[in-house]
C-alpha cells in the first residue's frame, strides 16, 4: 500500500469543483481511495457562517456561562447556539459540548471549526450536511472509479490525541466483516468488524498533517479490501450505544 498527499491545491472557495482540482494534480487510478478533508468539502459547499448568524437562545447563554465558569475563559453564547443548531442531541454540556450531528457522528462542538476557515469574512466552518452524499458527488465527478472518503479529525475516549475518522464515504463499504472467518488457531471470529473507512482516514492523516501544510487531500493506492463481506454500518444506533446512554445520565461535578 502507498499513501501520498495531493500537492498544490489552492484555497478552496464555495462552488469549486473538488474532483477537478484533485485530478489536475494527481494521476488517479480506478482502485485508488481519495481521502478528502471535510474542511475543503465544507468550503466548496459554502458551509461558512458568521457568529452573528446564531443569535443566542437562553439555553445557549446558560451553556456558555457554565463553560466560562468552569474554564475561566470567555465563551461566546453565539458559538454555543451554533452548536445547538448543528446538533440533534447534546450528550454532554460540561466540561465541553459533546454532540451528535444530523448524520450520526458524535464529536465535540458538532465539529464546528474556528480555525482553517480560510475566509476573513466568516468566523465558522460547519461540517458538511450529508458527508456521504458529498463523497458520492465527488466520486461521480471523477473520471476514474476511485472510492472517496470524507474525513475529519477528532479526539477519542480513554486516549490522548486526535486521529482521522471518516464522516462519509462512497464506492467502498464502511467496514469489512470478519465474523465467521477463523483465526490461526481455527477459532471462529464472532465480533470482529473492521472500520476500514476510519483506518483509511487515519492513514491519510499521517501525510496530510494538522497544521499549515495545506494538504487536505490524500490518495491511498494499492490497498485491497479483500474477500470479505462489507457493511455500511459505521455510527452506532442510539439503542445499542451504551456509552452514550450512560453519558446522558452523567453530571459533571467540579472538585
C-alpha atoms as a PDB file:
ATOM      1  CA  UNK A   1       0.000   0.000   0.000  1.00  0.00           C
ATOM      2  CA  UNK A   2       1.129   3.537  -0.770  1.00  0.00           C
ATOM      3  CA  UNK A   3      -0.287   6.817   0.506  1.00  0.00           C
ATOM      4  CA  UNK A   4       0.570  10.315  -0.686  1.00  0.00           C
ATOM      5  CA  UNK A   5      -0.797  13.809  -0.256  1.00  0.00           C
ATOM      6  CA  UNK A   6      -2.013  15.672  -3.335  1.00  0.00           C
ATOM      7  CA  UNK A   7       0.238  18.740  -3.701  1.00  0.00           C
ATOM      8  CA  UNK A   8      -0.528  22.232  -4.863  1.00  0.00           C
ATOM      9  CA  UNK A   9      -4.234  22.515  -4.130  1.00  0.00           C
ATOM     10  CA  UNK A  10      -5.377  26.145  -3.970  1.00  0.00           C
ATOM     11  CA  UNK A  11      -7.525  27.665  -1.257  1.00  0.00           C
ATOM     12  CA  UNK A  12     -10.944  26.141  -1.873  1.00  0.00           C
ATOM     13  CA  UNK A  13     -13.862  28.525  -2.391  1.00  0.00           C
ATOM     14  CA  UNK A  14     -17.630  27.974  -2.445  1.00  0.00           C
ATOM     15  CA  UNK A  15     -18.662  26.308  -5.673  1.00  0.00           C
ATOM     16  CA  UNK A  16     -15.222  24.887  -6.516  1.00  0.00           C
ATOM     17  CA  UNK A  17     -15.098  21.516  -8.265  1.00  0.00           C
ATOM     18  CA  UNK A  18     -13.048  19.396  -5.865  1.00  0.00           C
ATOM     19  CA  UNK A  19     -12.871  16.441  -8.233  1.00  0.00           C
ATOM     20  CA  UNK A  20     -11.369  18.603 -10.979  1.00  0.00           C
ATOM     21  CA  UNK A  21      -8.911  20.235  -8.574  1.00  0.00           C
ATOM     22  CA  UNK A  22      -7.672  16.821  -7.449  1.00  0.00           C
ATOM     23  CA  UNK A  23      -7.468  15.285 -10.920  1.00  0.00           C
ATOM     24  CA  UNK A  24      -5.445  18.235 -12.195  1.00  0.00           C
ATOM     25  CA  UNK A  25      -2.767  17.380  -9.617  1.00  0.00           C
ATOM     26  CA  UNK A  26      -2.929  13.590  -9.233  1.00  0.00           C
ATOM     27  CA  UNK A  27      -2.947  10.801 -11.806  1.00  0.00           C
ATOM     28  CA  UNK A  28      -5.699   8.742 -10.214  1.00  0.00           C
ATOM     29  CA  UNK A  29      -6.370   5.054 -10.781  1.00  0.00           C
ATOM     30  CA  UNK A  30      -9.622   3.124 -10.581  1.00  0.00           C
ATOM     31  CA  UNK A  31      -8.690   1.309  -7.367  1.00  0.00           C
ATOM     32  CA  UNK A  32      -7.444   4.404  -5.507  1.00  0.00           C
ATOM     33  CA  UNK A  33      -9.138   5.709  -2.389  1.00  0.00           C
ATOM     34  CA  UNK A  34      -9.253   9.509  -2.359  1.00  0.00           C
ATOM     35  CA  UNK A  35      -9.470  10.877   1.190  1.00  0.00           C
ATOM     36  CA  UNK A  36     -10.718  14.468   1.318  1.00  0.00           C
ATOM     37  CA  UNK A  37     -10.682  16.581   4.477  1.00  0.00           C
ATOM     38  CA  UNK A  38     -14.120  17.757   5.495  1.00  0.00           C
ATOM     39  CA  UNK A  39     -12.804  21.326   5.721  1.00  0.00           C
ATOM     40  CA  UNK A  40     -12.408  21.670   1.958  1.00  0.00           C
ATOM     41  CA  UNK A  41     -15.667  19.827   1.310  1.00  0.00           C
ATOM     42  CA  UNK A  42     -17.429  22.316   3.584  1.00  0.00           C
ATOM     43  CA  UNK A  43     -15.758  25.252   1.875  1.00  0.00           C
ATOM     44  CA  UNK A  44     -16.740  24.026  -1.579  1.00  0.00           C
ATOM     45  CA  UNK A  45     -20.310  23.533  -0.362  1.00  0.00           C
ATOM     46  CA  UNK A  46     -20.500  27.011   1.165  1.00  0.00           C
ATOM     47  CA  UNK A  47     -20.750  25.860   4.769  1.00  0.00           C
ATOM     48  CA  UNK A  48     -19.151  29.064   6.045  1.00  0.00           C
ATOM     49  CA  UNK A  49     -21.010  31.017   8.699  1.00  0.00           C
ATOM     50  CA  UNK A  50     -20.802  34.030  10.973  1.00  0.00           C
ATOM     51  CA  UNK A  51     -21.310  34.069  14.720  1.00  0.00           C
ATOM     52  CA  UNK A  52     -23.917  36.759  14.158  1.00  0.00           C
ATOM     53  CA  UNK A  53     -25.949  34.182  12.217  1.00  0.00           C
ATOM     54  CA  UNK A  54     -26.676  32.499  15.553  1.00  0.00           C
ATOM     55  CA  UNK A  55     -28.431  34.867  17.986  1.00  0.00           C
ATOM     56  CA  UNK A  56     -28.151  33.058  21.321  1.00  0.00           C
ATOM     57  CA  UNK A  57     -31.133  31.475  22.995  1.00  0.00           C
ATOM     58  CA  UNK A  58     -31.471  31.354  26.792  1.00  0.00           C
ATOM     59  CA  UNK A  59     -30.122  27.814  26.751  1.00  0.00           C
ATOM     60  CA  UNK A  60     -27.070  28.858  24.719  1.00  0.00           C
ATOM     61  CA  UNK A  61     -26.393  31.681  27.187  1.00  0.00           C
ATOM     62  CA  UNK A  62     -26.695  29.250  30.085  1.00  0.00           C
ATOM     63  CA  UNK A  63     -24.307  26.760  28.468  1.00  0.00           C
ATOM     64  CA  UNK A  64     -21.748  29.447  27.640  1.00  0.00           C
ATOM     65  CA  UNK A  65     -21.914  30.882  31.162  1.00  0.00           C
ATOM     66  CA  UNK A  66     -21.337  27.472  32.737  1.00  0.00           C
ATOM     67  CA  UNK A  67     -18.416  26.640  30.451  1.00  0.00           C
ATOM     68  CA  UNK A  68     -16.931  30.067  31.144  1.00  0.00           C
ATOM     69  CA  UNK A  69     -17.222  29.463  34.875  1.00  0.00           C
ATOM     70  CA  UNK A  70     -15.559  26.057  34.584  1.00  0.00           C
ATOM     71  CA  UNK A  71     -12.709  27.113  32.309  1.00  0.00           C
ATOM     72  CA  UNK A  72     -12.101  30.682  33.412  1.00  0.00           C
ATOM     73  CA  UNK A  73     -12.103  31.639  29.734  1.00  0.00           C
ATOM     74  CA  UNK A  74     -14.658  33.807  27.962  1.00  0.00           C
ATOM     75  CA  UNK A  75     -17.194  31.787  25.976  1.00  0.00           C
ATOM     76  CA  UNK A  76     -19.345  33.219  23.214  1.00  0.00           C
ATOM     77  CA  UNK A  77     -23.020  32.213  23.563  1.00  0.00           C
ATOM     78  CA  UNK A  78     -23.391  32.618  19.795  1.00  0.00           C
ATOM     79  CA  UNK A  79     -20.976  29.720  19.323  1.00  0.00           C
ATOM     80  CA  UNK A  80     -22.992  27.639  21.779  1.00  0.00           C
ATOM     81  CA  UNK A  81     -26.085  28.446  19.725  1.00  0.00           C
ATOM     82  CA  UNK A  82     -24.342  27.326  16.527  1.00  0.00           C
ATOM     83  CA  UNK A  83     -23.513  24.019  18.191  1.00  0.00           C
ATOM     84  CA  UNK A  84     -27.119  23.608  19.325  1.00  0.00           C
ATOM     85  CA  UNK A  85     -28.439  24.236  15.822  1.00  0.00           C
ATOM     86  CA  UNK A  86     -25.966  21.830  14.194  1.00  0.00           C
ATOM     87  CA  UNK A  87     -26.768  19.002  16.625  1.00  0.00           C
ATOM     88  CA  UNK A  88     -29.584  16.548  17.118  1.00  0.00           C
ATOM     89  CA  UNK A  89     -28.532  15.882  20.718  1.00  0.00           C
ATOM     90  CA  UNK A  90     -26.288  17.469  23.321  1.00  0.00           C
ATOM     91  CA  UNK A  91     -24.879  14.404  25.047  1.00  0.00           C
ATOM     92  CA  UNK A  92     -22.639  16.347  27.481  1.00  0.00           C
ATOM     93  CA  UNK A  93     -22.844  20.042  28.353  1.00  0.00           C
ATOM     94  CA  UNK A  94     -19.755  20.166  30.588  1.00  0.00           C
ATOM     95  CA  UNK A  95     -16.804  20.351  30.767  1.00  0.00           C
ATOM     96  CA  UNK A  96     -17.256  20.591  26.984  1.00  0.00           C
ATOM     97  CA  UNK A  97     -20.057  20.128  24.473  1.00  0.00           C
ATOM     98  CA  UNK A  98     -20.243  16.575  23.164  1.00  0.00           C
ATOM     99  CA  UNK A  99     -22.903  16.373  20.485  1.00  0.00           C
ATOM    100  CA  UNK A 100     -24.489  14.150  17.856  1.00  0.00           C
ATOM    101  CA  UNK A 101     -24.740  15.530  14.329  1.00  0.00           C
ATOM    102  CA  UNK A 102     -27.655  15.002  11.968  1.00  0.00           C
ATOM    103  CA  UNK A 103     -25.743  12.339  10.040  1.00  0.00           C
ATOM    104  CA  UNK A 104     -24.793  10.326  13.145  1.00  0.00           C
ATOM    105  CA  UNK A 105     -21.272  11.428  14.032  1.00  0.00           C
ATOM    106  CA  UNK A 106     -20.577  12.163  17.704  1.00  0.00           C
ATOM    107  CA  UNK A 107     -17.909  14.754  18.470  1.00  0.00           C
ATOM    108  CA  UNK A 108     -17.032  17.949  20.272  1.00  0.00           C
ATOM    109  CA  UNK A 109     -18.893  21.143  19.320  1.00  0.00           C
ATOM    110  CA  UNK A 110     -20.733  19.452  16.424  1.00  0.00           C
ATOM    111  CA  UNK A 111     -17.424  19.506  14.559  1.00  0.00           C
ATOM    112  CA  UNK A 112     -17.636  23.276  14.036  1.00  0.00           C
ATOM    113  CA  UNK A 113     -14.221  24.672  13.147  1.00  0.00           C
ATOM    114  CA  UNK A 114     -12.990  28.108  14.138  1.00  0.00           C
ATOM    115  CA  UNK A 115      -9.592  27.539  12.507  1.00  0.00           C
ATOM    116  CA  UNK A 116      -8.829  26.816   8.857  1.00  0.00           C
ATOM    117  CA  UNK A 117     -11.840  28.887   7.861  1.00  0.00           C
ATOM    118  CA  UNK A 118      -9.754  30.453   5.107  1.00  0.00           C
ATOM    119  CA  UNK A 119     -12.109  33.375   4.653  1.00  0.00           C
ATOM    120  CA  UNK A 120     -11.608  36.628   6.506  1.00  0.00           C
ATOM    121  CA  UNK A 121     -15.304  37.434   6.133  1.00  0.00           C
ATOM    122  CA  UNK A 122     -16.521  34.445   8.160  1.00  0.00           C
ATOM    123  CA  UNK A 123     -15.994  33.102  11.667  1.00  0.00           C
ATOM    124  CA  UNK A 124     -17.048  29.464  11.458  1.00  0.00           C
ATOM    125  CA  UNK A 125     -16.790  26.439   9.213  1.00  0.00           C
ATOM    126  CA  UNK A 126     -19.596  23.912   9.675  1.00  0.00           C
ATOM    127  CA  UNK A 127     -19.325  20.232   8.800  1.00  0.00           C
ATOM    128  CA  UNK A 128     -20.868  19.060   5.515  1.00  0.00           C
ATOM    129  CA  UNK A 129     -24.572  18.466   5.999  1.00  0.00           C
ATOM    130  CA  UNK A 130     -24.525  14.958   4.486  1.00  0.00           C
ATOM    131  CA  UNK A 131     -20.911  13.822   4.052  1.00  0.00           C
ATOM    132  CA  UNK A 132     -21.678  10.522   2.311  1.00  0.00           C
ATOM    133  CA  UNK A 133     -23.667  12.421  -0.325  1.00  0.00           C
ATOM    134  CA  UNK A 134     -20.710  14.801  -0.626  1.00  0.00           C
ATOM    135  CA  UNK A 135     -18.373  11.837  -1.149  1.00  0.00           C
ATOM    136  CA  UNK A 136     -20.706  10.420  -3.785  1.00  0.00           C
ATOM    137  CA  UNK A 137     -20.835  13.736  -5.677  1.00  0.00           C
ATOM    138  CA  UNK A 138     -17.050  13.987  -5.727  1.00  0.00           C
ATOM    139  CA  UNK A 139     -16.717  10.365  -6.833  1.00  0.00           C
ATOM    140  CA  UNK A 140     -19.291  10.801  -9.598  1.00  0.00           C
ATOM    141  CA  UNK A 141     -17.326  13.759 -10.964  1.00  0.00           C
ATOM    142  CA  UNK A 142     -14.029  11.858 -11.131  1.00  0.00           C
ATOM    143  CA  UNK A 143     -13.001  10.294 -14.436  1.00  0.00           C
ATOM    144  CA  UNK A 144     -11.848   7.162 -12.585  1.00  0.00           C
ATOM    145  CA  UNK A 145     -13.679   4.589 -10.468  1.00  0.00           C
ATOM    146  CA  UNK A 146     -11.867   5.686  -7.301  1.00  0.00           C
ATOM    147  CA  UNK A 147     -13.547   5.465  -3.916  1.00  0.00           C
ATOM    148  CA  UNK A 148     -13.890   8.643  -1.854  1.00  0.00           C
ATOM    149  CA  UNK A 149     -13.772   9.144   1.909  1.00  0.00           C
ATOM    150  CA  UNK A 150     -14.607  12.457   3.598  1.00  0.00           C
ATOM    151  CA  UNK A 151     -12.514  12.696   6.757  1.00  0.00           C
ATOM    152  CA  UNK A 152     -12.179  14.776   9.894  1.00  0.00           C
ATOM    153  CA  UNK A 153     -10.001  14.671  12.992  1.00  0.00           C
ATOM    154  CA  UNK A 154     -11.413  14.243  16.462  1.00  0.00           C
ATOM    155  CA  UNK A 155     -10.433  13.013  19.890  1.00  0.00           C
ATOM    156  CA  UNK A 156     -11.110   9.593  21.351  1.00  0.00           C
ATOM    157  CA  UNK A 157     -12.440   8.496  24.713  1.00  0.00           C
ATOM    158  CA  UNK A 158      -9.838   6.945  27.001  1.00  0.00           C
ATOM    159  CA  UNK A 159      -6.898   8.155  24.885  1.00  0.00           C
ATOM    160  CA  UNK A 160      -4.921  11.351  24.388  1.00  0.00           C
ATOM    161  CA  UNK A 161      -4.616  12.932  20.969  1.00  0.00           C
ATOM    162  CA  UNK A 162      -6.675  13.137  17.823  1.00  0.00           C
ATOM    163  CA  UNK A 163      -6.844  10.892  14.775  1.00  0.00           C
ATOM    164  CA  UNK A 164      -8.538  10.897  11.422  1.00  0.00           C
ATOM    165  CA  UNK A 165     -12.038   9.451  11.138  1.00  0.00           C
ATOM    166  CA  UNK A 166     -14.471   9.038   8.277  1.00  0.00           C
ATOM    167  CA  UNK A 167     -17.595  11.180   8.146  1.00  0.00           C
ATOM    168  CA  UNK A 168     -18.786   9.998   4.754  1.00  0.00           C
ATOM    169  CA  UNK A 169     -17.766   7.546   2.053  1.00  0.00           C
ATOM    170  CA  UNK A 170     -18.688   6.343  -1.427  1.00  0.00           C
ATOM    171  CA  UNK A 171     -17.506   3.490  -3.619  1.00  0.00           C
ATOM    172  CA  UNK A 172     -16.341   1.391  -0.690  1.00  0.00           C
ATOM    173  CA  UNK A 173     -18.080  -0.331   2.234  1.00  0.00           C
ATOM    174  CA  UNK A 174     -17.637   1.351   5.588  1.00  0.00           C
ATOM    175  CA  UNK A 175     -16.472  -1.858   7.244  1.00  0.00           C
ATOM    176  CA  UNK A 176     -15.271  -5.321   6.394  1.00  0.00           C
ATOM    177  CA  UNK A 177     -16.805  -8.144   8.337  1.00  0.00           C
ATOM    178  CA  UNK A 178     -14.531 -10.879   9.647  1.00  0.00           C
ATOM    179  CA  UNK A 179     -17.279 -12.711  11.507  1.00  0.00           C
ATOM    180  CA  UNK A 180     -17.481 -16.343  10.518  1.00  0.00           C
ATOM    181  CA  UNK A 181     -13.843 -16.438   9.426  1.00  0.00           C
ATOM    182  CA  UNK A 182     -11.224 -18.228  11.508  1.00  0.00           C
ATOM    183  CA  UNK A 183      -8.054 -17.173  13.268  1.00  0.00           C
ATOM    184  CA  UNK A 184      -4.736 -19.045  13.050  1.00  0.00           C
ATOM    185  CA  UNK A 185      -5.849 -21.439  15.762  1.00  0.00           C
ATOM    186  CA  UNK A 186      -9.056 -22.304  13.956  1.00  0.00           C
ATOM    187  CA  UNK A 187     -11.333 -20.343  16.295  1.00  0.00           C
ATOM    188  CA  UNK A 188     -14.288 -18.705  14.590  1.00  0.00           C
ATOM    189  CA  UNK A 189     -14.353 -14.899  14.797  1.00  0.00           C
ATOM    190  CA  UNK A 190     -17.648 -13.773  16.319  1.00  0.00           C
ATOM    191  CA  UNK A 191     -17.478  -9.995  16.805  1.00  0.00           C
ATOM    192  CA  UNK A 192     -14.708  -8.556  14.599  1.00  0.00           C
ATOM    193  CA  UNK A 193     -15.981  -5.897  12.184  1.00  0.00           C
ATOM    194  CA  UNK A 194     -13.167  -3.662  10.944  1.00  0.00           C
ATOM    195  CA  UNK A 195     -13.931   0.006  10.282  1.00  0.00           C
ATOM    196  CA  UNK A 196     -11.861   0.384   7.132  1.00  0.00           C
ATOM    197  CA  UNK A 197     -13.035   3.893   6.254  1.00  0.00           C
ATOM    198  CA  UNK A 198     -11.801   5.138   9.644  1.00  0.00           C
ATOM    199  CA  UNK A 199      -8.486   3.354   9.148  1.00  0.00           C
ATOM    200  CA  UNK A 200      -8.085   4.866   5.687  1.00  0.00           C
ATOM    201  CA  UNK A 201      -8.876   8.328   7.095  1.00  0.00           C
ATOM    202  CA  UNK A 202      -6.223   7.884   9.782  1.00  0.00           C
ATOM    203  CA  UNK A 203      -3.720   6.659   7.208  1.00  0.00           C
ATOM    204  CA  UNK A 204      -4.332   9.744   5.092  1.00  0.00           C
ATOM    205  CA  UNK A 205      -3.968  11.984   8.132  1.00  0.00           C
ATOM    206  CA  UNK A 206      -0.361  10.816   8.560  1.00  0.00           C
ATOM    207  CA  UNK A 207       0.618  12.547   5.306  1.00  0.00           C
ATOM    208  CA  UNK A 208      -1.792  15.492   5.212  1.00  0.00           C
ATOM    209  CA  UNK A 209      -0.919  16.804   8.684  1.00  0.00           C
ATOM    210  CA  UNK A 210      -2.834  19.067  11.030  1.00  0.00           C
ATOM    211  CA  UNK A 211      -1.206  22.497  10.785  1.00  0.00           C
ATOM    212  CA  UNK A 212      -0.483  24.859   7.929  1.00  0.00           C
ATOM    213  CA  UNK A 213       0.682  22.208   5.439  1.00  0.00           C
ATOM    214  CA  UNK A 214      -2.179  22.989   3.063  1.00  0.00           C
ATOM    215  CA  UNK A 215      -2.604  19.322   2.096  1.00  0.00           C
ATOM    216  CA  UNK A 216      -6.288  18.487   2.507  1.00  0.00           C
ATOM    217  CA  UNK A 217      -6.411  15.509   0.120  1.00  0.00           C
ATOM    218  CA  UNK A 218      -4.546  12.202   0.137  1.00  0.00           C
ATOM    219  CA  UNK A 219      -4.622   9.151  -2.122  1.00  0.00           C
ATOM    220  CA  UNK A 220      -4.340   5.601  -0.785  1.00  0.00           C
ATOM    221  CA  UNK A 221      -3.103   3.288  -3.524  1.00  0.00           C
ATOM    222  CA  UNK A 222      -2.748  -0.495  -3.846  1.00  0.00           C
ATOM    223  CA  UNK A 223      -4.882  -1.219  -0.793  1.00  0.00           C
ATOM    224  CA  UNK A 224      -7.146  -4.207  -1.190  1.00  0.00           C
ATOM    225  CA  UNK A 225     -10.475  -4.651   0.617  1.00  0.00           C
ATOM    226  CA  UNK A 226     -10.036  -8.403   0.289  1.00  0.00           C
ATOM    227  CA  UNK A 227     -12.544 -11.209   0.017  1.00  0.00           C
ATOM    228  CA  UNK A 228     -14.760 -10.172   2.913  1.00  0.00           C
ATOM    229  CA  UNK A 229     -18.357  -9.213   3.416  1.00  0.00           C
ATOM    230  CA  UNK A 230     -18.880  -5.455   3.538  1.00  0.00           C
ATOM    231  CA  UNK A 231     -21.094  -3.349   5.758  1.00  0.00           C
ATOM    232  CA  UNK A 232     -22.347   0.224   5.575  1.00  0.00           C
ATOM    233  CA  UNK A 233     -22.692   0.483   9.355  1.00  0.00           C
ATOM    234  CA  UNK A 234     -20.346   2.983  10.985  1.00  0.00           C
ATOM    235  CA  UNK A 235     -22.252   5.036  13.546  1.00  0.00           C
ATOM    236  CA  UNK A 236     -23.827   3.096  16.396  1.00  0.00           C
ATOM    237  CA  UNK A 237     -27.587   3.107  16.777  1.00  0.00           C
ATOM    238  CA  UNK A 238     -28.595   5.021  19.890  1.00  0.00           C
ATOM    239  CA  UNK A 239     -30.351   1.960  21.298  1.00  0.00           C
ATOM    240  CA  UNK A 240     -27.115  -0.034  21.271  1.00  0.00           C
ATOM    241  CA  UNK A 241     -24.757   2.791  22.213  1.00  0.00           C
ATOM    242  CA  UNK A 242     -24.385   2.099  25.923  1.00  0.00           C
ATOM    243  CA  UNK A 243     -21.677   4.726  26.428  1.00  0.00           C
ATOM    244  CA  UNK A 244     -23.988   7.425  25.076  1.00  0.00           C
ATOM    245  CA  UNK A 245     -26.802   6.187  27.276  1.00  0.00           C
ATOM    246  CA  UNK A 246     -24.537   6.322  30.330  1.00  0.00           C
ATOM    247  CA  UNK A 247     -23.368   9.846  29.499  1.00  0.00           C
ATOM    248  CA  UNK A 248     -26.949  11.039  29.212  1.00  0.00           C
ATOM    249  CA  UNK A 249     -27.410  10.451  32.927  1.00  0.00           C
ATOM    250  CA  UNK A 250     -23.986  11.755  33.961  1.00  0.00           C
ATOM    251  CA  UNK A 251     -23.433  15.192  35.506  1.00  0.00           C
ATOM    252  CA  UNK A 252     -20.042  16.876  35.562  1.00  0.00           C
ATOM    253  CA  UNK A 253     -19.031  17.820  39.108  1.00  0.00           C
ATOM    254  CA  UNK A 254     -16.061  20.108  39.655  1.00  0.00           C
ATOM    255  CA  UNK A 255     -13.918  19.205  42.689  1.00  0.00           C
END
